[in-house]
Amino acid sequence: MVIIRGVILLVLIGLWLYCVLDVITTEPARIRNMPKLLWLLVVILLPTAGSLLWLIAGRPRLPRGYTTYTGQNVPPREVRRLSPDDDEEFLRKLRERAEEQRRSAREKADPESPDAPKPEPAPDE
């Protein structure tokens, strides 16, 4: 029973420290509902309730898909395809290259075919 209370106490202290540091490091213009100094007082004077209030009502929200790195908003990265088979542009270029190779092979095999390039006449000198 004592161990459970100790773990709960450590979790609450960790939450409180996180919220205090989060209030301090958040830009004042991005904080919601109250001024930064008032939020700091609420979190310090009412540790558990103030921390929960900060997380619910004071902490800035990021637009969907945005993540924070070093405290800055960074737009989400473009979804990276996992294989070339999912990339339409790659497949299109692959088909074009394959068709060019087929055309070249046909020309070598049958120089009289309609696809074969006509030899250019020699320039008159």
N, C-alpha and C. Protein backbone atom coordinates (compact mmCIF):
# COMPACT_ATOMS: atom_id res chain seq x y z
N MET A 1 0.82 -1.20 0.00
CA MET A 1 0.00 0.00 0.00
C MET A 1 0.86 1.26 0.00
N VAL A 2 1.94 1.22 0.75
CA VAL A 2 2.83 2.38 0.82
C VAL A 2 3.51 2.59 -0.52
N ILE A 3 3.85 1.50 -1.20
CA ILE A 3 4.53 1.61 -2.49
C ILE A 3 3.60 2.26 -3.52
N ILE A 4 2.33 1.88 -3.51
CA ILE A 4 1.36 2.45 -4.45
C ILE A 4 1.22 3.94 -4.21
N ARG A 5 1.13 4.34 -2.95
CA ARG A 5 1.03 5.78 -2.64
C ARG A 5 2.28 6.52 -3.09
N GLY A 6 3.45 5.89 -2.91
CA GLY A 6 4.70 6.51 -3.33
C GLY A 6 4.75 6.70 -4.84
N VAL A 7 4.29 5.69 -5.57
CA VAL A 7 4.28 5.78 -7.03
C VAL A 7 3.32 6.88 -7.49
N ILE A 8 2.14 6.92 -6.89
CA ILE A 8 1.16 7.96 -7.23
C ILE A 8 1.73 9.34 -6.94
N LEU A 9 2.39 9.48 -5.78
CA LEU A 9 3.00 10.76 -5.42
C LEU A 9 4.07 11.17 -6.43
N LEU A 10 4.91 10.23 -6.85
CA LEU A 10 5.94 10.54 -7.85
C LEU A 10 5.33 10.94 -9.19
N VAL A 11 4.25 10.28 -9.58
CA VAL A 11 3.59 10.64 -10.84
C VAL A 11 3.02 12.05 -10.75
N LEU A 12 2.39 12.38 -9.64
CA LEU A 12 1.81 13.72 -9.47
C LEU A 12 2.89 14.80 -9.43
N ILE A 13 4.01 14.50 -8.78
CA ILE A 13 5.12 15.47 -8.75
C ILE A 13 5.68 15.65 -10.16
N GLY A 14 5.82 14.55 -10.90
CA GLY A 14 6.30 14.64 -12.28
C GLY A 14 5.35 15.46 -13.15
N LEU A 15 4.05 15.23 -12.99
CA LEU A 15 3.05 16.00 -13.74
C LEU A 15 3.15 17.48 -13.39
N TRP A 16 3.27 17.77 -12.11
CA TRP A 16 3.35 19.15 -11.66
C TRP A 16 4.60 19.84 -12.22
N LEU A 17 5.75 19.16 -12.15
CA LEU A 17 6.98 19.75 -12.69
C LEU A 17 6.88 19.97 -14.20
N TYR A 18 6.31 18.99 -14.90
CA TYR A 18 6.14 19.14 -16.34
C TYR A 18 5.29 20.37 -16.65
N CYS A 19 4.17 20.52 -15.93
CA CYS A 19 3.27 21.63 -16.22
C CYS A 19 3.90 22.98 -15.87
N VAL A 20 4.63 23.04 -14.76
CA VAL A 20 5.30 24.30 -14.39
C VAL A 20 6.29 24.68 -15.50
N LEU A 21 7.11 23.73 -15.92
CA LEU A 21 8.09 24.02 -16.98
C LEU A 21 7.40 24.34 -18.31
N ASP A 22 6.29 23.67 -18.59
CA ASP A 22 5.56 23.93 -19.82
C ASP A 22 4.97 25.34 -19.83
N VAL A 23 4.43 25.77 -18.70
CA VAL A 23 3.90 27.14 -18.61
C VAL A 23 5.03 28.15 -18.81
N ILE A 24 6.16 27.91 -18.18
CA ILE A 24 7.28 28.84 -18.26
C ILE A 24 7.83 28.95 -19.68
N THR A 25 7.91 27.83 -20.39
CA THR A 25 8.54 27.84 -21.72
C THR A 25 7.58 28.18 -22.86
N THR A 26 6.28 28.19 -22.60
CA THR A 26 5.31 28.49 -23.65
C THR A 26 5.27 29.99 -23.91
N GLU A 27 5.21 30.37 -25.18
CA GLU A 27 5.13 31.78 -25.54
C GLU A 27 3.82 32.37 -25.01
N PRO A 28 3.86 33.56 -24.40
CA PRO A 28 2.65 34.16 -23.82
C PRO A 28 1.51 34.33 -24.81
N ALA A 29 1.82 34.62 -26.07
CA ALA A 29 0.76 34.85 -27.06
C ALA A 29 0.00 33.57 -27.41
N ARG A 30 0.58 32.41 -27.14
CA ARG A 30 -0.06 31.15 -27.52
C ARG A 30 -0.88 30.54 -26.39
N ILE A 31 -0.75 31.05 -25.19
CA ILE A 31 -1.47 30.50 -24.04
C ILE A 31 -2.94 30.87 -24.13
N ARG A 32 -3.81 29.92 -23.80
CA ARG A 32 -5.26 30.14 -23.91
C ARG A 32 -5.87 30.50 -22.56
N ASN A 33 -6.92 31.28 -22.60
CA ASN A 33 -7.86 31.57 -21.51
C ASN A 33 -7.39 32.49 -20.40
N MET A 34 -6.12 32.50 -20.04
CA MET A 34 -5.63 33.40 -18.98
C MET A 34 -4.22 33.84 -19.31
N PRO A 35 -3.74 34.93 -18.69
CA PRO A 35 -2.36 35.35 -18.91
C PRO A 35 -1.37 34.32 -18.35
N LYS A 36 -0.17 34.34 -18.87
CA LYS A 36 0.86 33.37 -18.49
C LYS A 36 1.15 33.39 -16.99
N LEU A 37 1.31 34.57 -16.40
CA LEU A 37 1.62 34.66 -14.97
C LEU A 37 0.51 34.06 -14.12
N LEU A 38 -0.74 34.29 -14.50
CA LEU A 38 -1.86 33.71 -13.76
C LEU A 38 -1.86 32.19 -13.86
N TRP A 39 -1.57 31.67 -15.04
CA TRP A 39 -1.49 30.21 -15.20
C TRP A 39 -0.37 29.64 -14.33
N LEU A 40 0.76 30.32 -14.27
CA LEU A 40 1.87 29.85 -13.46
C LEU A 40 1.48 29.80 -11.99
N LEU A 41 0.78 30.83 -11.53
CA LEU A 41 0.31 30.84 -10.13
C LEU A 41 -0.69 29.70 -9.87
N VAL A 42 -1.61 29.48 -10.78
CA VAL A 42 -2.60 28.41 -10.61
C VAL A 42 -1.90 27.06 -10.53
N VAL A 43 -0.94 26.82 -11.41
CA VAL A 43 -0.25 25.52 -11.42
C VAL A 43 0.60 25.35 -10.16
N ILE A 44 1.23 26.41 -9.69
CA ILE A 44 2.08 26.31 -8.49
C ILE A 44 1.24 26.16 -7.22
N LEU A 45 0.18 26.97 -7.10
CA LEU A 45 -0.61 26.96 -5.86
C LEU A 45 -1.58 25.78 -5.76
N LEU A 46 -2.06 25.28 -6.87
CA LEU A 46 -2.97 24.13 -6.89
C LEU A 46 -2.31 23.03 -7.72
N PRO A 47 -1.34 22.31 -7.16
CA PRO A 47 -0.52 21.42 -7.97
C PRO A 47 -1.29 20.44 -8.86
N THR A 48 -2.14 19.61 -8.31
CA THR A 48 -2.82 18.60 -9.13
C THR A 48 -3.90 19.22 -9.99
N ALA A 49 -4.80 19.97 -9.38
CA ALA A 49 -5.90 20.58 -10.12
C ALA A 49 -5.36 21.61 -11.12
N GLY A 50 -4.39 22.41 -10.73
CA GLY A 50 -3.81 23.41 -11.61
C GLY A 50 -3.11 22.78 -12.81
N SER A 51 -2.42 21.66 -12.57
CA SER A 51 -1.75 20.97 -13.67
C SER A 51 -2.77 20.44 -14.67
N LEU A 52 -3.83 19.83 -14.17
CA LEU A 52 -4.86 19.30 -15.05
C LEU A 52 -5.57 20.43 -15.80
N LEU A 53 -5.84 21.53 -15.10
CA LEU A 53 -6.47 22.68 -15.77
C LEU A 53 -5.57 23.22 -16.88
N TRP A 54 -4.28 23.31 -16.59
CA TRP A 54 -3.34 23.80 -17.60
C TRP A 54 -3.37 22.91 -18.85
N LEU A 55 -3.33 21.60 -18.64
CA LEU A 55 -3.31 20.68 -19.78
C LEU A 55 -4.61 20.75 -20.59
N ILE A 56 -5.73 20.97 -19.89
CA ILE A 56 -7.02 20.98 -20.58
C ILE A 56 -7.35 22.35 -21.17
N ALA A 57 -7.13 23.42 -20.40
CA ALA A 57 -7.65 24.72 -20.81
C ALA A 57 -6.61 25.78 -21.15
N GLY A 58 -5.35 25.56 -20.78
CA GLY A 58 -4.38 26.63 -20.98
C GLY A 58 -3.34 26.36 -22.03
N ARG A 59 -2.98 25.12 -22.15
CA ARG A 59 -1.91 24.74 -23.08
C ARG A 59 -2.34 25.03 -24.52
N PRO A 60 -1.41 25.59 -25.32
CA PRO A 60 -1.76 25.89 -26.71
C PRO A 60 -2.04 24.63 -27.50
N ARG A 61 -2.98 24.73 -28.41
CA ARG A 61 -3.29 23.60 -29.29
C ARG A 61 -2.54 23.78 -30.60
N LEU A 62 -2.11 22.69 -31.14
CA LEU A 62 -1.47 22.71 -32.45
C LEU A 62 -2.47 22.27 -33.49
N PRO A 63 -2.37 22.81 -34.70
CA PRO A 63 -3.26 22.34 -35.76
C PRO A 63 -3.05 20.85 -35.99
N ARG A 64 -4.08 20.18 -36.46
CA ARG A 64 -3.97 18.74 -36.71
C ARG A 64 -2.81 18.44 -37.65
N GLY A 65 -2.07 17.41 -37.28
CA GLY A 65 -0.96 17.01 -38.13
C GLY A 65 0.36 17.70 -37.80
N TYR A 66 0.32 18.72 -36.95
CA TYR A 66 1.54 19.42 -36.59
C TYR A 66 2.15 18.78 -35.36
N THR A 67 3.46 18.81 -35.30
CA THR A 67 4.16 18.28 -34.14
C THR A 67 5.14 19.33 -33.66
N THR A 68 5.63 19.17 -32.45
CA THR A 68 6.58 20.14 -31.93
C THR A 68 7.96 19.51 -31.86
N TYR A 69 8.93 20.24 -32.34
CA TYR A 69 10.33 19.92 -32.21
C TYR A 69 10.99 21.17 -31.69
N THR A 70 11.67 21.08 -30.61
CA THR A 70 12.35 22.21 -29.98
C THR A 70 11.40 23.39 -29.76
N GLY A 71 10.17 23.10 -29.43
CA GLY A 71 9.22 24.16 -29.09
C GLY A 71 8.66 24.92 -30.26
N GLN A 72 8.93 24.53 -31.49
CA GLN A 72 8.44 25.25 -32.65
C GLN A 72 7.43 24.40 -33.40
N ASN A 73 6.51 25.07 -34.07
CA ASN A 73 5.56 24.35 -34.90
C ASN A 73 6.25 23.95 -36.19
N VAL A 74 6.14 22.71 -36.53
CA VAL A 74 6.71 22.20 -37.76
C VAL A 74 5.60 21.51 -38.52
N PRO A 75 5.38 21.89 -39.78
CA PRO A 75 4.31 21.23 -40.52
C PRO A 75 4.62 19.76 -40.70
N PRO A 76 3.59 18.95 -40.85
CA PRO A 76 3.84 17.52 -40.99
C PRO A 76 4.62 17.22 -42.25
N ARG A 77 5.43 16.19 -42.19
CA ARG A 77 6.20 15.80 -43.36
C ARG A 77 5.28 15.13 -44.36
N GLU A 78 5.67 15.25 -45.61
CA GLU A 78 4.90 14.57 -46.66
C GLU A 78 4.99 13.07 -46.41
N VAL A 79 3.89 12.40 -46.60
CA VAL A 79 3.87 10.96 -46.38
C VAL A 79 4.82 10.31 -47.37
N ARG A 80 5.75 9.56 -46.86
CA ARG A 80 6.72 8.91 -47.71
C ARG A 80 6.20 7.54 -48.11
N ARG A 81 6.22 7.29 -49.39
CA ARG A 81 5.77 5.99 -49.87
C ARG A 81 6.80 4.94 -49.48
N LEU A 82 6.33 3.76 -49.16
CA LEU A 82 7.22 2.72 -48.68
C LEU A 82 7.88 1.93 -49.80
N SER A 83 7.25 1.85 -50.95
CA SER A 83 7.85 1.10 -52.04
C SER A 83 7.62 1.83 -53.36
N PRO A 84 8.48 1.58 -54.35
CA PRO A 84 8.31 2.25 -55.64
C PRO A 84 6.99 1.89 -56.31
N ASP A 85 6.45 0.73 -55.99
CA ASP A 85 5.18 0.32 -56.61
C ASP A 85 4.02 1.25 -56.25
N ASP A 86 4.17 2.02 -55.19
CA ASP A 86 3.11 2.94 -54.78
C ASP A 86 3.26 4.32 -55.41
N ASP A 87 4.36 4.56 -56.10
CA ASP A 87 4.66 5.88 -56.65
C ASP A 87 4.25 5.92 -58.13
N GLU A 88 3.19 6.67 -58.43
CA GLU A 88 2.66 6.72 -59.80
C GLU A 88 3.67 7.31 -60.78
N GLU A 89 4.38 8.33 -60.38
CA GLU A 89 5.36 8.95 -61.28
C GLU A 89 6.48 7.97 -61.62
N PHE A 90 6.95 7.24 -60.61
CA PHE A 90 7.99 6.24 -60.84
C PHE A 90 7.51 5.18 -61.82
N LEU A 91 6.28 4.69 -61.62
CA LEU A 91 5.73 3.67 -62.51
C LEU A 91 5.57 4.18 -63.94
N ARG A 92 5.14 5.45 -64.09
CA ARG A 92 4.99 6.04 -65.41
C ARG A 92 6.34 6.10 -66.12
N LYS A 93 7.38 6.58 -65.42
CA LYS A 93 8.71 6.65 -66.02
C LYS A 93 9.24 5.25 -66.35
N LEU A 94 8.94 4.30 -65.51
CA LEU A 94 9.37 2.92 -65.76
C LEU A 94 8.73 2.37 -67.03
N ARG A 95 7.42 2.63 -67.20
CA ARG A 95 6.73 2.18 -68.41
C ARG A 95 7.30 2.85 -69.66
N GLU A 96 7.58 4.15 -69.57
CA GLU A 96 8.15 4.87 -70.71
C GLU A 96 9.52 4.30 -71.08
N ARG A 97 10.34 4.03 -70.09
CA ARG A 97 11.67 3.49 -70.34
C ARG A 97 11.58 2.09 -70.94
N ALA A 98 10.66 1.28 -70.44
CA ALA A 98 10.48 -0.07 -70.97
C ALA A 98 10.02 -0.01 -72.43
N GLU A 99 9.10 0.90 -72.73
CA GLU A 99 8.62 1.04 -74.10
C GLU A 99 9.74 1.50 -75.02
N GLU A 100 10.58 2.41 -74.57
CA GLU A 100 11.72 2.87 -75.35
C GLU A 100 12.69 1.72 -75.61
N GLN A 101 12.93 0.88 -74.62
CA GLN A 101 13.82 -0.26 -74.80
C GLN A 101 13.22 -1.28 -75.79
N ARG A 102 11.91 -1.50 -75.71
CA ARG A 102 11.25 -2.41 -76.66
C ARG A 102 11.36 -1.87 -78.09
N ARG A 103 11.12 -0.58 -78.25
CA ARG A 103 11.20 0.06 -79.56
C ARG A 103 12.62 -0.08 -80.12
N SER A 104 13.61 0.15 -79.28
CA SER A 104 15.00 0.04 -79.70
C SER A 104 15.34 -1.40 -80.10
N ALA A 105 14.85 -2.36 -79.36
CA ALA A 105 15.11 -3.77 -79.68
C ALA A 105 14.43 -4.16 -80.99
N ARG A 106 13.22 -3.66 -81.24
CA ARG A 106 12.53 -3.96 -82.50
C ARG A 106 13.30 -3.37 -83.68
N GLU A 107 13.82 -2.17 -83.51
CA GLU A 107 14.56 -1.52 -84.59
C GLU A 107 15.83 -2.30 -84.93
N LYS A 108 16.50 -2.83 -83.92
CA LYS A 108 17.72 -3.60 -84.16
C LYS A 108 17.39 -4.93 -84.82
N ALA A 109 16.27 -5.54 -84.42
CA ALA A 109 15.90 -6.85 -84.96
C ALA A 109 15.37 -6.72 -86.38
N ASP A 110 14.62 -5.69 -86.69
CA ASP A 110 14.01 -5.54 -88.02
C ASP A 110 14.14 -4.10 -88.46
N PRO A 111 15.23 -3.77 -89.15
CA PRO A 111 15.46 -2.38 -89.57
C PRO A 111 14.44 -1.88 -90.59
N GLU A 112 13.68 -2.78 -91.22
CA GLU A 112 12.69 -2.38 -92.22
C GLU A 112 11.32 -2.09 -91.62
N SER A 113 11.18 -2.23 -90.30
CA SER A 113 9.86 -2.01 -89.67
C SER A 113 9.48 -0.55 -89.77
N PRO A 114 8.16 -0.26 -89.70
CA PRO A 114 7.72 1.14 -89.79
C PRO A 114 8.21 2.00 -88.63
N ASP A 115 8.55 1.35 -87.50
CA ASP A 115 9.04 2.13 -86.35
C ASP A 115 10.50 2.52 -86.49
N ALA A 116 11.21 1.85 -87.38
CA ALA A 116 12.65 2.11 -87.51
C ALA A 116 12.87 3.49 -88.10
N PRO A 117 13.88 4.20 -87.62
CA PRO A 117 14.15 5.53 -88.17
C PRO A 117 14.71 5.40 -89.59
N LYS A 118 14.32 6.30 -90.44
CA LYS A 118 14.78 6.31 -91.83
C LYS A 118 16.18 6.92 -91.86
N PRO A 119 17.07 6.32 -92.62
CA PRO A 119 18.41 6.90 -92.72
C PRO A 119 18.34 8.24 -93.44
N GLU A 120 19.11 9.18 -92.93
CA GLU A 120 19.10 10.52 -93.53
C GLU A 120 19.99 10.51 -94.77
N PRO A 121 19.54 11.19 -95.82
CA PRO A 121 20.37 11.23 -97.04
C PRO A 121 21.65 12.00 -96.77
N ALA A 122 22.70 11.60 -97.47
CA ALA A 122 23.99 12.26 -97.30
C ALA A 122 23.90 13.66 -97.89
N PRO A 123 24.47 14.64 -97.23
CA PRO A 123 24.41 16.01 -97.75
C PRO A 123 25.23 16.13 -99.03
N ASP A 124 24.70 16.91 -99.98
CA ASP A 124 25.40 17.13 -101.26
C ASP A 124 26.55 18.09 -101.02
N GLU A 125 27.67 17.71 -101.54
CA GLU A 125 28.83 18.57 -101.37
C GLU A 125 29.21 19.22 -102.63
